[in-house]
Amino acid sequence: MNEIEISSITGVTMPFSAYTCDVYGNNCGYVGSGSTLPIIFTLPPQFNTAPVLQLTVTDSNGCSFYKIINC
């Protein structure tokens, strides 16, 4: 997996920033920001072969939400 598409999101005040981390929340990398959906983010190279990762979204209010994604 080298891209993540976000097609819908709830509870987030736009615009938002997205980060990917390993499943434990470490080794995070910024993947981009957005204010409209759907949006596609290209993952940092260290996640190209990861079986699981964590996507963290931080909205314009500073609230962070995360989801574990099985690749």
N, C-alpha and C. Protein backbone atom coordinates (compact mmCIF):
# COMPACT_ATOMS: atom_id res chain seq x y z
N MET A 1 0.85 -1.17 0.00
CA MET A 1 0.00 0.00 0.00
C MET A 1 0.89 1.23 0.00
N ASN A 2 0.65 2.14 -0.93
CA ASN A 2 1.44 3.37 -0.91
C ASN A 2 0.57 4.62 -0.92
N GLU A 3 -0.76 4.45 -0.87
CA GLU A 3 -1.67 5.58 -0.80
C GLU A 3 -2.84 5.26 0.13
N ILE A 4 -3.39 6.31 0.71
CA ILE A 4 -4.60 6.19 1.51
C ILE A 4 -5.59 7.20 0.97
N GLU A 5 -6.81 6.74 0.74
CA GLU A 5 -7.88 7.64 0.30
C GLU A 5 -8.86 7.82 1.45
N ILE A 6 -9.13 9.07 1.78
CA ILE A 6 -10.15 9.39 2.77
C ILE A 6 -11.35 9.90 1.98
N SER A 7 -12.43 9.13 2.04
CA SER A 7 -13.62 9.51 1.28
C SER A 7 -14.68 10.18 2.15
N SER A 8 -14.66 9.90 3.45
CA SER A 8 -15.57 10.57 4.37
C SER A 8 -14.94 10.58 5.76
N ILE A 9 -15.34 11.56 6.53
CA ILE A 9 -14.80 11.70 7.88
C ILE A 9 -15.82 12.48 8.70
N THR A 10 -16.02 12.09 9.95
CA THR A 10 -16.98 12.78 10.81
C THR A 10 -16.29 13.26 12.07
N GLY A 11 -16.82 14.32 12.65
CA GLY A 11 -16.30 14.85 13.90
C GLY A 11 -15.04 15.68 13.73
N VAL A 12 -14.71 16.05 12.51
CA VAL A 12 -13.49 16.80 12.22
C VAL A 12 -13.86 18.16 11.67
N THR A 13 -13.23 19.22 12.19
CA THR A 13 -13.42 20.56 11.67
C THR A 13 -12.35 20.82 10.61
N MET A 14 -12.78 21.08 9.39
CA MET A 14 -11.85 21.30 8.30
C MET A 14 -11.15 22.64 8.48
N PRO A 15 -9.96 22.84 7.98
CA PRO A 15 -9.10 21.84 7.32
C PRO A 15 -8.44 20.94 8.36
N PHE A 16 -7.83 19.86 7.88
CA PHE A 16 -7.17 18.91 8.76
C PHE A 16 -5.81 18.54 8.20
N SER A 17 -4.96 18.02 9.08
CA SER A 17 -3.65 17.49 8.69
C SER A 17 -3.64 16.01 8.98
N ALA A 18 -2.93 15.24 8.16
CA ALA A 18 -2.89 13.79 8.33
C ALA A 18 -1.46 13.31 8.51
N TYR A 19 -1.31 12.32 9.38
CA TYR A 19 -0.01 11.72 9.69
C TYR A 19 -0.18 10.21 9.70
N THR A 20 0.83 9.49 9.29
CA THR A 20 0.83 8.04 9.43
C THR A 20 1.92 7.65 10.42
N CYS A 21 1.61 6.63 11.21
CA CYS A 21 2.53 6.12 12.23
C CYS A 21 2.48 4.60 12.19
N ASP A 22 3.44 3.97 12.85
CA ASP A 22 3.31 2.52 13.00
C ASP A 22 2.14 2.25 13.94
N VAL A 23 1.79 1.01 14.10
CA VAL A 23 0.61 0.64 14.86
C VAL A 23 0.69 1.08 16.32
N TYR A 24 1.88 1.34 16.82
CA TYR A 24 2.07 1.76 18.20
C TYR A 24 2.07 3.29 18.36
N GLY A 25 1.93 4.02 17.26
CA GLY A 25 1.94 5.47 17.31
C GLY A 25 3.32 6.08 17.24
N ASN A 26 4.31 5.29 16.84
CA ASN A 26 5.69 5.76 16.71
C ASN A 26 6.05 5.94 15.24
N ASN A 27 7.20 6.51 14.97
CA ASN A 27 7.73 6.68 13.62
C ASN A 27 6.72 7.37 12.70
N CYS A 28 6.16 8.46 13.18
CA CYS A 28 5.13 9.16 12.43
C CYS A 28 5.72 10.03 11.31
N GLY A 29 4.93 10.16 10.26
CA GLY A 29 5.32 11.01 9.14
C GLY A 29 4.12 11.78 8.63
N TYR A 30 4.33 13.05 8.33
CA TYR A 30 3.28 13.91 7.79
C TYR A 30 2.96 13.48 6.37
N VAL A 31 1.67 13.33 6.03
CA VAL A 31 1.30 12.94 4.67
C VAL A 31 0.55 14.03 3.93
N GLY A 32 0.08 15.05 4.62
CA GLY A 32 -0.57 16.15 3.93
C GLY A 32 -1.72 16.73 4.72
N SER A 33 -2.43 17.66 4.06
CA SER A 33 -3.58 18.30 4.68
C SER A 33 -4.67 18.44 3.64
N GLY A 34 -5.86 18.74 4.11
CA GLY A 34 -6.97 18.86 3.19
C GLY A 34 -8.14 19.60 3.78
N SER A 35 -8.99 20.08 2.91
CA SER A 35 -10.22 20.73 3.35
C SER A 35 -11.43 20.24 2.56
N THR A 36 -11.20 19.37 1.58
CA THR A 36 -12.29 18.78 0.81
C THR A 36 -12.06 17.28 0.69
N LEU A 37 -13.14 16.55 0.52
CA LEU A 37 -13.06 15.10 0.39
C LEU A 37 -13.73 14.68 -0.91
N PRO A 38 -13.34 13.60 -1.51
CA PRO A 38 -12.29 12.68 -1.09
C PRO A 38 -10.90 13.27 -1.33
N ILE A 39 -9.92 12.72 -0.63
CA ILE A 39 -8.53 13.14 -0.78
C ILE A 39 -7.64 11.91 -0.69
N ILE A 40 -6.57 11.91 -1.46
CA ILE A 40 -5.63 10.78 -1.47
C ILE A 40 -4.28 11.28 -0.99
N PHE A 41 -3.72 10.55 -0.02
CA PHE A 41 -2.39 10.87 0.51
C PHE A 41 -1.42 9.77 0.12
N THR A 42 -0.23 10.16 -0.30
CA THR A 42 0.84 9.20 -0.58
C THR A 42 1.61 8.96 0.70
N LEU A 43 1.80 7.69 1.04
CA LEU A 43 2.48 7.33 2.27
C LEU A 43 3.99 7.50 2.16
N PRO A 44 4.65 7.82 3.28
CA PRO A 44 6.11 7.82 3.30
C PRO A 44 6.62 6.41 2.99
N PRO A 45 7.81 6.30 2.40
CA PRO A 45 8.34 5.00 1.97
C PRO A 45 8.39 3.93 3.05
N GLN A 46 8.60 4.30 4.32
CA GLN A 46 8.71 3.28 5.36
C GLN A 46 7.41 2.51 5.56
N PHE A 47 6.29 2.98 5.02
CA PHE A 47 5.01 2.30 5.18
C PHE A 47 4.58 1.51 3.94
N ASN A 48 5.41 1.48 2.89
CA ASN A 48 5.04 0.79 1.65
C ASN A 48 4.77 -0.69 1.86
N THR A 49 5.45 -1.33 2.79
CA THR A 49 5.25 -2.77 3.03
C THR A 49 4.69 -3.06 4.42
N ALA A 50 4.22 -2.04 5.11
CA ALA A 50 3.69 -2.24 6.47
C ALA A 50 2.38 -3.02 6.42
N PRO A 51 2.23 -4.02 7.29
CA PRO A 51 0.97 -4.77 7.31
C PRO A 51 -0.17 -4.01 8.00
N VAL A 52 0.21 -3.10 8.92
CA VAL A 52 -0.77 -2.32 9.69
C VAL A 52 -0.15 -0.94 9.93
N LEU A 53 -0.99 0.10 9.90
CA LEU A 53 -0.50 1.43 10.25
C LEU A 53 -1.59 2.20 10.95
N GLN A 54 -1.19 3.30 11.53
CA GLN A 54 -2.12 4.18 12.22
C GLN A 54 -2.22 5.48 11.44
N LEU A 55 -3.43 5.90 11.11
CA LEU A 55 -3.67 7.19 10.47
C LEU A 55 -4.18 8.14 11.53
N THR A 56 -3.50 9.25 11.71
CA THR A 56 -3.92 10.26 12.68
C THR A 56 -4.29 11.52 11.94
N VAL A 57 -5.46 12.06 12.25
CA VAL A 57 -5.95 13.29 11.64
C VAL A 57 -6.09 14.32 12.75
N THR A 58 -5.51 15.50 12.52
CA THR A 58 -5.62 16.60 13.47
C THR A 58 -6.38 17.73 12.79
N ASP A 59 -7.49 18.13 13.39
CA ASP A 59 -8.33 19.14 12.75
C ASP A 59 -7.90 20.55 13.12
N SER A 60 -8.64 21.53 12.60
CA SER A 60 -8.27 22.93 12.81
C SER A 60 -8.48 23.39 14.25
N ASN A 61 -9.19 22.61 15.06
CA ASN A 61 -9.34 22.92 16.49
C ASN A 61 -8.25 22.29 17.34
N GLY A 62 -7.35 21.53 16.71
CA GLY A 62 -6.28 20.86 17.44
C GLY A 62 -6.68 19.50 17.99
N CYS A 63 -7.87 19.03 17.65
CA CYS A 63 -8.31 17.70 18.09
C CYS A 63 -7.74 16.63 17.16
N SER A 64 -7.25 15.55 17.75
CA SER A 64 -6.67 14.47 16.96
C SER A 64 -7.53 13.22 17.06
N PHE A 65 -7.67 12.56 15.93
CA PHE A 65 -8.42 11.32 15.82
C PHE A 65 -7.52 10.32 15.12
N TYR A 66 -7.60 9.06 15.50
CA TYR A 66 -6.78 8.07 14.81
C TYR A 66 -7.57 6.82 14.49
N LYS A 67 -7.08 6.10 13.50
CA LYS A 67 -7.68 4.83 13.11
C LYS A 67 -6.56 3.88 12.72
N ILE A 68 -6.67 2.63 13.17
CA ILE A 68 -5.73 1.58 12.79
C ILE A 68 -6.22 1.00 11.46
N ILE A 69 -5.34 0.92 10.50
CA ILE A 69 -5.67 0.45 9.15
C ILE A 69 -4.87 -0.81 8.86
N ASN A 70 -5.58 -1.89 8.54
CA ASN A 70 -4.92 -3.12 8.09
C ASN A 70 -4.64 -2.98 6.61
N CYS A 71 -3.40 -3.15 6.25
CA CYS A 71 -3.02 -3.00 4.85
C CYS A 71 -3.20 -4.31 4.14
